Amino acid sequence: MIQPIVLAAGFGTRMGGNKALLPIGDVPALTVVLSMIEAAGLSSPIIVLGHNAEAVKAAVDLEQARVVINLHPQGGISRSLALALEAIQADSTGILVFHVDMPFLAHSTVRAVVDAANRGAVLAAPVHGETRGFPVYFARDTLDALKASLQGDSGGRAFLRTRSTQLTRVLVDDPGCVFDIDSPSDLRTWKGEPLCAISE
């Protein structure tokens, strides 16, 4: 079983509030991400919350998820990912890492990355244009090394750089896999202006 991890512990300072609760249409961004995970055929997600966690739990149905609380989200993405790695199930064959501020990701992209994992990929990520996006797959036997590499707000980037030859690049026509929402202007951009890719 590939276990999804959704990183949603940030302060959302530039957004003006918790990005897990950012309204996408009529529902919170975290609900959108969880629905996309379900549509891709995945289950038992681990959700890492931090800032305003109680408000998120009150607004989003997390009954099918395992919630992990990052009490020190100022420690960056790496701390959240390390906490999630401690919570994965024993029968998980790998993890698929999502960010809550990327709610426009297509479930077909998720499925394409999962298919690459099922074909034997050790690491896999979607690529739109020339940019690597999310979600990123890590096979079970890479997780100890991944955890040891985590530092600051870089998440798994440093680890992926050292294992670039093992990374399966899944080409997709999905700008949502490389577009994150950091500010209200980003959301307006998605609604009609030219898209901006996330930094590698």
Protein backbone atom coordinates (compact mmCIF):
# COMPACT_ATOMS: atom_id res chain seq x y z
CA MET A 1 0.00 0.00 0.00
CA ILE A 2 1.29 3.43 -0.96
CA GLN A 3 0.44 5.83 1.85
CA PRO A 4 -0.35 9.46 1.05
CA ILE A 5 1.09 12.21 3.25
CA VAL A 6 -0.39 15.71 3.14
CA LEU A 7 1.75 18.49 4.60
CA ALA A 8 -0.59 21.13 6.01
CA ALA A 9 1.12 22.57 9.08
CA GLY A 10 2.29 25.93 7.78
CA PHE A 11 1.30 29.32 9.15
CA GLY A 12 0.14 30.66 5.78
CA THR A 13 1.52 34.09 6.66
CA ARG A 14 1.55 35.44 3.10
CA MET A 15 -1.88 33.93 2.49
CA GLY A 16 -3.30 35.71 5.52
CA GLY A 17 -4.45 32.48 7.16
CA ASN A 18 -4.19 28.70 7.30
CA LYS A 19 -3.84 27.37 3.74
CA ALA A 20 -5.62 24.14 4.66
CA LEU A 21 -8.76 26.25 5.06
CA LEU A 22 -8.28 28.31 1.91
CA PRO A 23 -11.63 28.20 0.08
CA ILE A 24 -11.41 26.51 -3.31
CA GLY A 25 -14.89 27.08 -4.65
CA ASP A 26 -17.04 26.31 -1.64
CA VAL A 27 -14.76 23.88 0.19
CA PRO A 28 -11.42 24.07 2.06
CA ALA A 29 -8.23 23.31 0.16
CA LEU A 30 -7.52 20.30 2.38
CA THR A 31 -10.90 18.80 1.46
CA VAL A 32 -10.05 19.24 -2.22
CA VAL A 33 -6.69 17.51 -1.78
CA LEU A 34 -8.22 14.62 0.16
CA SER A 35 -10.94 14.17 -2.49
CA MET A 36 -8.26 14.08 -5.19
CA ILE A 37 -6.32 11.43 -3.26
CA GLU A 38 -9.46 9.32 -2.95
CA ALA A 39 -10.27 9.77 -6.66
CA ALA A 40 -6.81 8.43 -7.47
CA GLY A 41 -7.59 5.24 -5.56
CA LEU A 42 -5.47 5.89 -2.49
CA SER A 43 -6.52 5.61 1.15
CA SER A 44 -5.32 6.04 4.76
CA PRO A 45 -3.69 9.45 4.31
CA ILE A 46 -1.52 10.98 7.01
CA ILE A 47 -2.32 14.67 7.50
CA VAL A 48 0.25 16.84 9.26
CA LEU A 49 -1.42 19.84 10.90
CA GLY A 50 0.12 22.59 12.96
CA HIS A 51 -1.09 26.15 13.07
CA ASN A 52 -4.80 26.35 14.01
CA ALA A 53 -5.16 22.56 13.90
CA GLU A 54 -8.42 22.52 15.85
CA ALA A 55 -10.08 24.84 13.34
CA VAL A 56 -8.97 22.57 10.50
CA LYS A 57 -10.29 19.47 12.24
CA ALA A 58 -13.62 21.22 12.80
CA ALA A 59 -13.94 22.24 9.13
CA VAL A 60 -12.63 19.16 7.30
CA ASP A 61 -13.77 15.53 7.52
CA LEU A 62 -10.64 13.70 8.66
CA GLU A 63 -12.32 10.51 9.83
CA GLN A 64 -10.47 8.36 7.28
CA ALA A 65 -7.12 10.02 7.93
CA ARG A 66 -4.44 9.77 10.57
CA VAL A 67 -3.78 13.25 11.93
CA VAL A 68 -0.32 14.18 13.18
CA ILE A 69 0.20 17.50 14.94
CA ASN A 70 3.42 19.43 14.40
CA LEU A 71 3.68 21.50 17.56
CA HIS A 72 6.62 23.45 16.14
CA PRO A 73 5.69 24.20 12.50
CA GLN A 74 8.24 27.01 12.47
CA GLY A 75 10.76 24.18 12.07
CA GLY A 76 9.77 23.96 8.42
CA ILE A 77 8.54 21.29 6.06
CA SER A 78 11.28 18.88 7.09
CA ARG A 79 9.91 18.61 10.63
CA SER A 80 6.41 17.90 9.33
CA LEU A 81 7.69 15.25 6.95
CA ALA A 82 9.78 13.61 9.68
CA LEU A 83 6.71 13.39 11.94
CA ALA A 84 4.70 11.85 9.10
CA LEU A 85 7.40 9.25 8.47
CA GLU A 86 7.11 8.15 12.09
CA ALA A 87 3.38 7.58 11.58
CA ILE A 88 3.32 5.47 8.42
CA GLN A 89 1.74 2.03 8.59
CA ALA A 90 3.89 -1.07 8.81
CA ASP A 91 2.47 -2.47 5.58
CA SER A 92 3.13 0.68 3.53
CA THR A 93 5.28 0.00 0.48
CA GLY A 94 6.08 3.68 0.08
CA ILE A 95 4.76 7.20 0.52
CA LEU A 96 3.34 9.85 -1.77
CA VAL A 97 3.96 13.39 -0.52
CA PHE A 98 1.39 16.13 -1.19
CA HIS A 99 1.22 19.80 -0.20
CA VAL A 100 -2.08 21.29 0.88
CA ASP A 101 -1.38 24.48 -1.06
CA MET A 102 -1.45 22.57 -4.37
CA PRO A 103 -5.20 21.85 -4.68
CA PHE A 104 -5.31 22.13 -8.48
CA LEU A 105 -3.33 18.94 -9.02
CA ALA A 106 -5.21 16.50 -11.26
CA HIS A 107 -6.01 13.06 -9.88
CA SER A 108 -4.83 11.62 -13.21
CA THR A 109 -1.36 12.94 -12.37
CA VAL A 110 -1.49 11.23 -8.99
CA ARG A 111 -2.51 8.02 -10.72
CA ALA A 112 0.36 8.32 -13.21
CA VAL A 113 2.90 8.60 -10.38
CA VAL A 114 1.30 5.65 -8.57
CA ASP A 115 1.48 3.62 -11.80
CA ALA A 116 5.21 4.39 -12.05
CA ALA A 117 5.65 3.20 -8.47
CA ASN A 118 3.73 0.02 -9.20
CA ARG A 119 6.03 -0.62 -12.15
CA GLY A 120 9.02 -0.58 -9.80
CA ALA A 121 10.13 3.05 -9.54
CA VAL A 122 12.19 3.78 -6.42
CA LEU A 123 11.43 7.51 -6.63
CA ALA A 124 8.90 9.15 -8.94
CA ALA A 125 7.50 12.62 -9.56
CA PRO A 126 5.41 14.32 -12.23
CA VAL A 127 7.11 16.75 -14.60
CA HIS A 128 5.24 19.53 -16.38
CA GLY A 129 7.34 21.31 -18.98
CA GLU A 130 10.81 21.22 -17.46
CA THR A 131 9.66 21.49 -13.84
CA ARG A 132 9.39 18.68 -11.32
CA GLY A 133 6.15 18.80 -9.38
CA PHE A 134 4.13 16.95 -6.79
CA PRO A 135 3.19 14.46 -5.49
CA VAL A 136 6.54 12.75 -5.06
CA TYR A 137 6.80 9.01 -4.45
CA PHE A 138 9.43 7.48 -2.16
CA ALA A 139 9.75 3.69 -1.92
CA ARG A 140 9.83 2.16 1.56
CA ASP A 141 13.52 1.29 1.44
CA THR A 142 14.45 4.94 0.84
CA LEU A 143 12.66 6.33 3.89
CA ASP A 144 15.43 5.94 6.47
CA ALA A 145 17.83 7.83 4.25
CA LEU A 146 15.17 10.41 3.45
CA LYS A 147 14.52 11.04 7.14
CA ALA A 148 18.25 11.37 7.86
CA SER A 149 18.55 14.01 5.13
CA LEU A 150 15.72 16.25 6.33
CA GLN A 151 16.68 19.74 7.40
CA GLY A 152 14.89 23.08 7.56
CA ASP A 153 12.30 24.02 4.97
CA SER A 154 13.69 22.03 2.06
CA GLY A 155 11.71 18.85 2.66
CA GLY A 156 12.99 16.06 0.42
CA ARG A 157 14.68 18.27 -2.18
CA ALA A 158 18.23 17.62 -1.00
CA PHE A 159 17.58 13.89 -0.90
CA LEU A 160 16.13 13.91 -4.42
CA ARG A 161 19.18 15.78 -5.71
CA THR A 162 21.48 13.08 -4.36
CA ARG A 163 19.32 10.33 -5.89
CA SER A 164 18.56 12.01 -9.23
CA THR A 165 19.54 8.93 -11.22
CA GLN A 166 16.89 6.91 -9.38
CA LEU A 167 14.10 9.41 -10.00
CA THR A 168 11.49 8.38 -12.55
CA ARG A 169 10.21 11.53 -14.25
CA VAL A 170 6.53 11.14 -15.16
CA LEU A 171 5.66 13.56 -17.95
CA VAL A 172 2.20 15.07 -17.50
CA ASP A 173 0.12 17.83 -19.05
CA ASP A 174 -0.96 19.22 -15.69
CA PRO A 175 0.09 22.72 -14.60
CA GLY A 176 -1.55 22.04 -11.23
CA CYS A 177 1.32 19.73 -10.27
CA VAL A 178 3.77 22.64 -10.31
CA PHE A 179 1.57 25.44 -8.98
CA ASP A 180 1.29 26.27 -5.31
CA ILE A 181 -0.69 29.01 -3.59
CA ASP A 182 1.34 31.22 -1.28
CA SER A 183 -0.68 34.42 -1.51
CA PRO A 184 -4.07 35.70 -2.72
CA SER A 185 -2.39 36.89 -5.92
CA ASP A 186 -1.37 33.29 -6.68
CA LEU A 187 -5.00 32.24 -6.52
CA ARG A 188 -5.96 35.07 -8.88
CA THR A 189 -3.16 33.98 -11.22
CA TRP A 190 -4.56 30.46 -11.42
CA LYS A 191 -7.97 31.86 -12.31
CA GLY A 192 -6.78 33.38 -15.54
CA GLU A 193 -3.37 34.98 -15.58
CA PRO A 194 -0.13 33.21 -16.65
CA LEU A 195 0.94 30.43 -14.30
CA CYS A 196 4.03 30.46 -12.10
CA ALA A 197 5.92 27.25 -11.32
CA ILE A 198 7.11 26.34 -7.86
CA SER A 199 10.84 26.56 -7.25
CA GLU A 200 12.76 23.31 -7.36
